[in-house]
Amino acid sequence: MNNIQLKIRIDAVEASYTKDGSLVVNGTCSFKYYDNKENKVRSLSFQAFGQAAVSLQQSGVGSVQVISGRMTVYKPTQEYPNHRCLLTIERNLCVTEGASTNRVVEMQQPPAMRGATVTKTPVATTAPAFASTNGSAAEIYDEEIPF
């Protein structure tokens, strides 16, 4: 496990929920690095939990993020002959939002229900009752508090 800080671009985002209802965001991102006198781009899988997951989901695909997290490198196996990396995003800062967040979705009106009639029932007017205990507990004086 290695701590890492990067500036990344979100390429794909997929959100899901755990059994206890917390949000988990998985996806792919890309980052630039300098090697052999040229700039290169590398793709990387990521996951995020908590506030970072909410922020990544809201910013959308194409957004640029400054992240802080952990990079886990997995050893080669027979299924995957090369090393694999997984970036776990713990904190992020959105630099620019993605194009997918600018979509406008129009709400459609539900079709009117036929055969349903609405009847108004008269409401009795009441006045508020003012009481120090509001009818739920005995009144406690400050002198009876033990400290």
N, C-alpha and C. Protein backbone atom coordinates (compact mmCIF):
# COMPACT_ATOMS: atom_id res chain seq x y z
N MET A 1 0.83 -1.16 0.00
CA MET A 1 0.00 0.00 0.00
C MET A 1 0.89 1.24 0.00
N ASN A 2 0.64 2.13 -0.92
CA ASN A 2 1.43 3.35 -1.06
C ASN A 2 0.50 4.55 -1.02
N ASN A 3 0.87 5.57 -0.26
CA ASN A 3 0.10 6.81 -0.27
C ASN A 3 0.45 7.58 -1.53
N ILE A 4 -0.58 8.24 -2.10
CA ILE A 4 -0.36 8.91 -3.38
C ILE A 4 -1.25 10.15 -3.47
N GLN A 5 -0.74 11.18 -4.13
CA GLN A 5 -1.50 12.38 -4.46
C GLN A 5 -1.37 12.59 -5.96
N LEU A 6 -2.50 12.71 -6.64
CA LEU A 6 -2.50 12.83 -8.10
C LEU A 6 -3.54 13.83 -8.56
N LYS A 7 -3.33 14.30 -9.77
CA LYS A 7 -4.36 15.04 -10.49
C LYS A 7 -4.87 14.09 -11.57
N ILE A 8 -6.15 13.72 -11.50
CA ILE A 8 -6.69 12.71 -12.40
C ILE A 8 -7.87 13.25 -13.19
N ARG A 9 -8.18 12.55 -14.28
CA ARG A 9 -9.38 12.83 -15.07
C ARG A 9 -10.25 11.59 -14.98
N ILE A 10 -11.52 11.75 -14.65
CA ILE A 10 -12.44 10.62 -14.50
C ILE A 10 -12.91 10.18 -15.88
N ASP A 11 -12.69 8.90 -16.22
CA ASP A 11 -13.10 8.35 -17.51
C ASP A 11 -14.42 7.59 -17.42
N ALA A 12 -14.67 6.89 -16.33
CA ALA A 12 -15.91 6.14 -16.14
C ALA A 12 -16.22 6.08 -14.65
N VAL A 13 -17.51 6.18 -14.32
CA VAL A 13 -17.96 6.13 -12.93
C VAL A 13 -19.13 5.17 -12.82
N GLU A 14 -19.07 4.30 -11.82
CA GLU A 14 -20.18 3.38 -11.55
C GLU A 14 -20.44 3.41 -10.05
N ALA A 15 -21.67 3.73 -9.67
CA ALA A 15 -22.02 3.84 -8.26
C ALA A 15 -22.81 2.62 -7.82
N SER A 16 -22.57 2.19 -6.59
CA SER A 16 -23.33 1.09 -5.99
C SER A 16 -23.42 1.35 -4.49
N TYR A 17 -24.21 0.53 -3.83
CA TYR A 17 -24.41 0.70 -2.39
C TYR A 17 -24.05 -0.60 -1.67
N THR A 18 -23.49 -0.46 -0.48
CA THR A 18 -23.17 -1.62 0.34
C THR A 18 -24.42 -2.09 1.07
N LYS A 19 -24.30 -3.17 1.84
CA LYS A 19 -25.44 -3.71 2.57
C LYS A 19 -25.96 -2.73 3.61
N ASP A 20 -25.07 -1.92 4.19
CA ASP A 20 -25.51 -0.96 5.19
C ASP A 20 -25.95 0.37 4.58
N GLY A 21 -25.96 0.48 3.26
CA GLY A 21 -26.50 1.65 2.59
C GLY A 21 -25.50 2.74 2.26
N SER A 22 -24.22 2.53 2.48
CA SER A 22 -23.24 3.56 2.15
C SER A 22 -22.85 3.47 0.67
N LEU A 23 -22.54 4.60 0.10
CA LEU A 23 -22.23 4.71 -1.32
C LEU A 23 -20.80 4.27 -1.61
N VAL A 24 -20.63 3.49 -2.67
CA VAL A 24 -19.31 3.06 -3.14
C VAL A 24 -19.24 3.42 -4.62
N VAL A 25 -18.19 4.11 -5.02
CA VAL A 25 -18.01 4.49 -6.42
C VAL A 25 -16.77 3.79 -6.97
N ASN A 26 -16.94 3.09 -8.09
CA ASN A 26 -15.84 2.43 -8.79
C ASN A 26 -15.74 3.03 -10.17
N GLY A 27 -14.57 2.91 -10.78
CA GLY A 27 -14.44 3.41 -12.14
C GLY A 27 -13.00 3.40 -12.60
N THR A 28 -12.79 4.11 -13.71
CA THR A 28 -11.45 4.26 -14.25
C THR A 28 -11.12 5.74 -14.38
N CYS A 29 -9.85 6.03 -14.21
CA CYS A 29 -9.38 7.40 -14.35
C CYS A 29 -8.06 7.35 -15.12
N SER A 30 -7.60 8.51 -15.52
CA SER A 30 -6.31 8.58 -16.21
C SER A 30 -5.50 9.74 -15.63
N PHE A 31 -4.20 9.57 -15.66
CA PHE A 31 -3.31 10.63 -15.18
C PHE A 31 -2.12 10.72 -16.12
N LYS A 32 -1.50 11.89 -16.15
CA LYS A 32 -0.34 12.13 -17.01
C LYS A 32 0.94 12.05 -16.18
N TYR A 33 1.98 11.55 -16.82
CA TYR A 33 3.29 11.53 -16.19
C TYR A 33 4.35 11.72 -17.27
N TYR A 34 5.55 12.04 -16.84
CA TYR A 34 6.65 12.36 -17.75
C TYR A 34 7.65 11.22 -17.71
N ASP A 35 7.95 10.63 -18.89
CA ASP A 35 8.89 9.53 -18.96
C ASP A 35 9.59 9.55 -20.31
N ASN A 36 10.90 9.37 -20.32
CA ASN A 36 11.69 9.36 -21.56
C ASN A 36 11.47 10.60 -22.42
N LYS A 37 11.50 11.75 -21.79
CA LYS A 37 11.40 13.04 -22.47
C LYS A 37 10.06 13.24 -23.19
N GLU A 38 9.00 12.61 -22.71
CA GLU A 38 7.68 12.82 -23.30
C GLU A 38 6.60 12.60 -22.24
N ASN A 39 5.46 13.23 -22.46
CA ASN A 39 4.32 13.05 -21.57
C ASN A 39 3.57 11.80 -21.97
N LYS A 40 3.18 11.02 -20.99
CA LYS A 40 2.41 9.81 -21.24
C LYS A 40 1.16 9.83 -20.38
N VAL A 41 0.14 9.09 -20.82
CA VAL A 41 -1.12 8.99 -20.09
C VAL A 41 -1.32 7.53 -19.70
N ARG A 42 -1.68 7.32 -18.45
CA ARG A 42 -1.88 5.96 -17.94
C ARG A 42 -3.28 5.85 -17.36
N SER A 43 -3.96 4.76 -17.64
CA SER A 43 -5.29 4.49 -17.10
C SER A 43 -5.16 3.71 -15.80
N LEU A 44 -6.10 3.92 -14.88
CA LEU A 44 -6.01 3.32 -13.56
C LEU A 44 -7.42 3.09 -13.02
N SER A 45 -7.64 1.95 -12.38
CA SER A 45 -8.92 1.67 -11.73
C SER A 45 -8.94 2.33 -10.36
N PHE A 46 -10.12 2.80 -9.94
CA PHE A 46 -10.22 3.43 -8.62
C PHE A 46 -11.49 2.99 -7.92
N GLN A 47 -11.50 3.22 -6.61
CA GLN A 47 -12.69 3.06 -5.79
C GLN A 47 -12.70 4.17 -4.76
N ALA A 48 -13.90 4.55 -4.32
CA ALA A 48 -14.01 5.61 -3.32
C ALA A 48 -15.19 5.31 -2.41
N PHE A 49 -15.08 5.74 -1.17
CA PHE A 49 -16.12 5.55 -0.17
C PHE A 49 -16.43 6.90 0.46
N GLY A 50 -17.58 7.00 1.10
CA GLY A 50 -17.92 8.17 1.91
C GLY A 50 -18.07 9.45 1.11
N GLN A 51 -17.55 10.54 1.67
CA GLN A 51 -17.69 11.86 1.06
C GLN A 51 -16.98 11.94 -0.28
N ALA A 52 -15.86 11.27 -0.42
CA ALA A 52 -15.16 11.26 -1.71
C ALA A 52 -16.02 10.60 -2.78
N ALA A 53 -16.75 9.55 -2.43
CA ALA A 53 -17.62 8.87 -3.39
C ALA A 53 -18.76 9.78 -3.83
N VAL A 54 -19.35 10.50 -2.89
CA VAL A 54 -20.44 11.42 -3.23
C VAL A 54 -19.94 12.51 -4.16
N SER A 55 -18.79 13.08 -3.86
CA SER A 55 -18.22 14.14 -4.68
C SER A 55 -17.87 13.65 -6.09
N LEU A 56 -17.30 12.45 -6.19
CA LEU A 56 -16.95 11.91 -7.51
C LEU A 56 -18.19 11.61 -8.33
N GLN A 57 -19.23 11.10 -7.69
CA GLN A 57 -20.46 10.80 -8.42
C GLN A 57 -21.12 12.08 -8.92
N GLN A 58 -21.11 13.13 -8.12
CA GLN A 58 -21.74 14.39 -8.51
C GLN A 58 -20.94 15.11 -9.59
N SER A 59 -19.63 15.02 -9.57
CA SER A 59 -18.82 15.74 -10.56
C SER A 59 -18.88 15.09 -11.93
N GLY A 60 -19.03 13.77 -12.00
CA GLY A 60 -19.29 13.09 -13.27
C GLY A 60 -18.07 12.77 -14.11
N VAL A 61 -18.37 12.14 -15.26
CA VAL A 61 -17.33 11.72 -16.20
C VAL A 61 -16.73 12.95 -16.88
N GLY A 62 -15.42 12.96 -17.02
CA GLY A 62 -14.73 14.08 -17.64
C GLY A 62 -14.24 15.12 -16.66
N SER A 63 -14.57 14.96 -15.40
CA SER A 63 -14.12 15.94 -14.41
C SER A 63 -12.65 15.72 -14.07
N VAL A 64 -12.01 16.79 -13.65
CA VAL A 64 -10.61 16.73 -13.23
C VAL A 64 -10.59 16.89 -11.71
N GLN A 65 -9.89 15.98 -11.04
CA GLN A 65 -9.86 15.93 -9.59
C GLN A 65 -8.42 15.93 -9.09
N VAL A 66 -8.20 16.55 -7.95
CA VAL A 66 -6.94 16.38 -7.23
C VAL A 66 -7.27 15.45 -6.08
N ILE A 67 -6.61 14.30 -6.02
CA ILE A 67 -6.99 13.28 -5.05
C ILE A 67 -5.83 12.94 -4.14
N SER A 68 -6.19 12.39 -2.99
CA SER A 68 -5.23 11.83 -2.05
C SER A 68 -5.78 10.47 -1.66
N GLY A 69 -4.92 9.46 -1.70
CA GLY A 69 -5.41 8.13 -1.39
C GLY A 69 -4.31 7.10 -1.28
N ARG A 70 -4.70 5.84 -1.48
CA ARG A 70 -3.77 4.72 -1.38
C ARG A 70 -3.74 3.98 -2.71
N MET A 71 -2.56 3.54 -3.09
CA MET A 71 -2.38 2.73 -4.29
C MET A 71 -1.99 1.33 -3.83
N THR A 72 -2.84 0.36 -4.16
CA THR A 72 -2.55 -1.02 -3.82
C THR A 72 -2.11 -1.74 -5.08
N VAL A 73 -0.95 -2.39 -5.02
CA VAL A 73 -0.40 -3.11 -6.17
C VAL A 73 -0.55 -4.61 -5.89
N TYR A 74 -1.24 -5.30 -6.81
CA TYR A 74 -1.47 -6.73 -6.67
C TYR A 74 -0.46 -7.50 -7.51
N LYS A 75 0.00 -8.62 -6.97
CA LYS A 75 0.98 -9.47 -7.66
C LYS A 75 0.33 -10.16 -8.86
N PRO A 76 1.14 -10.55 -9.84
CA PRO A 76 0.60 -11.30 -10.99
C PRO A 76 0.06 -12.66 -10.56
N THR A 77 -1.00 -13.08 -11.22
CA THR A 77 -1.58 -14.41 -11.02
C THR A 77 -1.70 -15.09 -12.37
N GLN A 78 -2.25 -16.28 -12.38
CA GLN A 78 -2.43 -16.96 -13.66
C GLN A 78 -3.49 -16.28 -14.51
N GLU A 79 -4.50 -15.70 -13.85
CA GLU A 79 -5.54 -14.97 -14.59
C GLU A 79 -5.01 -13.65 -15.13
N TYR A 80 -4.20 -12.97 -14.33
CA TYR A 80 -3.64 -11.67 -14.71
C TYR A 80 -2.12 -11.77 -14.66
N PRO A 81 -1.47 -11.92 -15.80
CA PRO A 81 -0.01 -12.13 -15.80
C PRO A 81 0.79 -10.88 -15.42
N ASN A 82 0.18 -9.71 -15.42
CA ASN A 82 0.89 -8.47 -15.07
C ASN A 82 0.42 -7.98 -13.70
N HIS A 83 1.20 -7.08 -13.13
CA HIS A 83 0.79 -6.45 -11.88
C HIS A 83 -0.48 -5.63 -12.14
N ARG A 84 -1.33 -5.55 -11.13
CA ARG A 84 -2.54 -4.73 -11.21
C ARG A 84 -2.51 -3.71 -10.08
N CYS A 85 -3.07 -2.54 -10.34
CA CYS A 85 -3.11 -1.47 -9.34
C CYS A 85 -4.56 -1.07 -9.09
N LEU A 86 -4.86 -0.73 -7.85
CA LEU A 86 -6.16 -0.20 -7.48
C LEU A 86 -5.94 1.05 -6.64
N LEU A 87 -6.50 2.16 -7.09
CA LEU A 87 -6.40 3.43 -6.38
C LEU A 87 -7.62 3.58 -5.49
N THR A 88 -7.42 3.73 -4.20
CA THR A 88 -8.51 3.98 -3.26
C THR A 88 -8.47 5.45 -2.90
N ILE A 89 -9.48 6.19 -3.33
CA ILE A 89 -9.52 7.64 -3.13
C ILE A 89 -10.12 7.93 -1.75
N GLU A 90 -9.35 8.61 -0.91
CA GLU A 90 -9.81 8.97 0.43
C GLU A 90 -10.31 10.40 0.49
N ARG A 91 -9.63 11.31 -0.21
CA ARG A 91 -10.02 12.72 -0.25
C ARG A 91 -9.89 13.22 -1.68
N ASN A 92 -10.75 14.14 -2.05
CA ASN A 92 -10.64 14.69 -3.40
C ASN A 92 -11.09 16.14 -3.41
N LEU A 93 -10.62 16.84 -4.42
CA LEU A 93 -11.01 18.22 -4.67
C LEU A 93 -11.31 18.34 -6.15
N CYS A 94 -12.52 18.74 -6.48
CA CYS A 94 -12.93 18.85 -7.88
C CYS A 94 -12.37 20.14 -8.47
N VAL A 95 -11.56 20.02 -9.52
CA VAL A 95 -10.99 21.18 -10.20
C VAL A 95 -11.95 21.66 -11.27
N THR A 96 -12.40 20.76 -12.14
CA THR A 96 -13.42 21.08 -13.15
C THR A 96 -14.44 19.96 -13.19
N GLU A 97 -15.71 20.32 -13.36
CA GLU A 97 -16.76 19.32 -13.43
C GLU A 97 -16.83 18.72 -14.82
N GLY A 98 -17.36 17.51 -14.89
CA GLY A 98 -17.47 16.82 -16.17
C GLY A 98 -18.66 17.28 -16.98
N ALA A 99 -18.68 16.88 -18.24
CA ALA A 99 -19.76 17.27 -19.15
C ALA A 99 -21.06 16.57 -18.80
N SER A 100 -20.99 15.43 -18.12
CA SER A 100 -22.21 14.68 -17.82
C SER A 100 -23.06 15.36 -16.75
N THR A 101 -22.51 16.33 -16.02
CA THR A 101 -23.29 17.00 -14.98
C THR A 101 -24.09 18.16 -15.54
N ASN A 102 -23.86 18.55 -16.79
CA ASN A 102 -24.56 19.69 -17.35
C ASN A 102 -25.84 19.32 -18.08
N ARG A 103 -26.24 18.05 -18.04
CA ARG A 103 -27.46 17.64 -18.71
C ARG A 103 -28.67 18.15 -17.96
N VAL A 104 -29.68 18.59 -18.71
CA VAL A 104 -30.93 19.03 -18.11
C VAL A 104 -31.97 17.95 -18.37
N VAL A 105 -32.56 17.46 -17.32
CA VAL A 105 -33.58 16.43 -17.45
C VAL A 105 -34.92 17.05 -17.12
N GLU A 106 -35.85 16.94 -18.06
CA GLU A 106 -37.17 17.51 -17.84
C GLU A 106 -38.05 16.48 -17.15
N MET A 107 -38.77 16.94 -16.16
CA MET A 107 -39.67 16.06 -15.44
C MET A 107 -40.97 15.94 -16.23
N GLN A 108 -41.45 14.74 -16.40
CA GLN A 108 -42.71 14.52 -17.08
C GLN A 108 -43.81 14.41 -16.04
N GLN A 109 -44.95 14.99 -16.37
CA GLN A 109 -46.09 14.92 -15.47
C GLN A 109 -46.70 13.53 -15.53
N PRO A 110 -47.04 12.96 -14.39
CA PRO A 110 -47.68 11.65 -14.42
C PRO A 110 -49.08 11.77 -15.03
N PRO A 111 -49.56 10.73 -15.69
CA PRO A 111 -50.90 10.80 -16.27
C PRO A 111 -51.94 10.93 -15.18
N ALA A 112 -53.00 11.66 -15.50
CA ALA A 112 -54.07 11.88 -14.52
C ALA A 112 -54.79 10.56 -14.24
N MET A 113 -55.11 10.35 -12.99
CA MET A 113 -55.81 9.12 -12.62
C MET A 113 -57.29 9.31 -12.90
N ARG A 114 -57.87 8.37 -13.57
CA ARG A 114 -59.29 8.46 -13.90
C ARG A 114 -60.09 7.68 -12.87
N GLY A 115 -61.24 8.18 -12.59
CA GLY A 115 -62.12 7.48 -11.67
C GLY A 115 -61.86 7.83 -10.21
N ALA A 116 -60.83 8.54 -9.93
CA ALA A 116 -60.55 8.93 -8.55
C ALA A 116 -61.20 10.26 -8.27
N THR A 117 -61.96 10.32 -7.22
CA THR A 117 -62.60 11.57 -6.85
C THR A 117 -61.99 12.05 -5.54
N VAL A 118 -61.83 13.33 -5.45
CA VAL A 118 -61.25 13.93 -4.26
C VAL A 118 -62.37 14.62 -3.51
N THR A 119 -62.55 14.25 -2.26
CA THR A 119 -63.56 14.90 -1.44
C THR A 119 -62.84 15.65 -0.33
N LYS A 120 -63.32 16.83 -0.07
CA LYS A 120 -62.73 17.64 0.99
C LYS A 120 -63.47 17.37 2.29
N THR A 121 -62.72 17.11 3.32
CA THR A 121 -63.32 16.92 4.64
C THR A 121 -63.13 18.20 5.43
N PRO A 122 -64.16 18.61 6.15
CA PRO A 122 -64.02 19.84 6.92
C PRO A 122 -63.02 19.65 8.07
N VAL A 123 -62.27 20.69 8.31
CA VAL A 123 -61.26 20.67 9.37
C VAL A 123 -61.76 21.52 10.52
N ALA A 124 -61.72 20.95 11.71
CA ALA A 124 -62.16 21.69 12.89
C ALA A 124 -61.07 22.68 13.28
N THR A 125 -61.49 23.88 13.61
CA THR A 125 -60.53 24.89 14.03
C THR A 125 -60.26 24.72 15.52
N THR A 126 -59.02 24.77 15.88
CA THR A 126 -58.63 24.65 17.29
C THR A 126 -57.68 25.78 17.64
N ALA A 127 -57.62 26.06 18.90
CA ALA A 127 -56.71 27.09 19.39
C ALA A 127 -55.57 26.41 20.14
N PRO A 128 -54.37 26.95 20.06
CA PRO A 128 -53.26 26.33 20.78
C PRO A 128 -53.42 26.47 22.29
N ALA A 129 -53.02 25.44 23.01
CA ALA A 129 -53.07 25.47 24.46
C ALA A 129 -51.68 25.81 24.99
N PHE A 130 -51.62 26.78 25.86
CA PHE A 130 -50.34 27.19 26.41
C PHE A 130 -50.20 26.62 27.81
N ALA A 131 -49.23 25.76 28.00
CA ALA A 131 -48.96 25.19 29.31
C ALA A 131 -47.46 24.99 29.44
N SER A 132 -46.96 25.11 30.65
CA SER A 132 -45.52 24.98 30.84
C SER A 132 -45.06 23.54 30.65
N THR A 133 -45.93 22.56 30.91
CA THR A 133 -45.54 21.17 30.78
C THR A 133 -46.03 20.56 29.48
N ASN A 134 -46.91 21.23 28.78
CA ASN A 134 -47.46 20.75 27.51
C ASN A 134 -48.15 19.40 27.68
N GLY A 135 -48.53 19.05 28.92
CA GLY A 135 -49.28 17.84 29.17
C GLY A 135 -48.49 16.56 29.11
N SER A 136 -47.15 16.62 29.01
CA SER A 136 -46.39 15.38 28.84
C SER A 136 -45.56 15.00 30.06
N ALA A 137 -45.19 15.91 30.91
CA ALA A 137 -44.34 15.58 32.05
C ALA A 137 -44.57 16.57 33.17
N ALA A 138 -44.16 16.16 34.35
CA ALA A 138 -44.27 17.06 35.49
C ALA A 138 -43.24 18.16 35.36
N GLU A 139 -43.56 19.31 35.93
CA GLU A 139 -42.67 20.45 35.83
C GLU A 139 -41.46 20.25 36.75
N ILE A 140 -40.26 20.52 36.23
CA ILE A 140 -39.02 20.37 36.99
C ILE A 140 -38.46 21.75 37.28
N TYR A 141 -38.14 21.96 38.56
CA TYR A 141 -37.57 23.23 38.95
C TYR A 141 -36.05 23.12 38.97
N ASP A 142 -35.37 24.24 38.78
CA ASP A 142 -33.91 24.25 38.75
C ASP A 142 -33.29 23.80 40.07
N GLU A 143 -33.98 24.03 41.19
CA GLU A 143 -33.43 23.65 42.48
C GLU A 143 -33.36 22.13 42.65
N GLU A 144 -34.15 21.37 41.90
CA GLU A 144 -34.18 19.92 42.04
C GLU A 144 -33.09 19.23 41.22
N ILE A 145 -32.35 19.95 40.40
CA ILE A 145 -31.28 19.36 39.61
C ILE A 145 -30.11 19.08 40.53
N PRO A 146 -29.55 17.84 40.53
CA PRO A 146 -28.54 17.46 41.53
C PRO A 146 -27.16 18.09 41.38
N PHE A 147 -26.88 18.90 40.42
CA PHE A 147 -25.53 19.48 40.32
C PHE A 147 -25.55 20.97 40.39
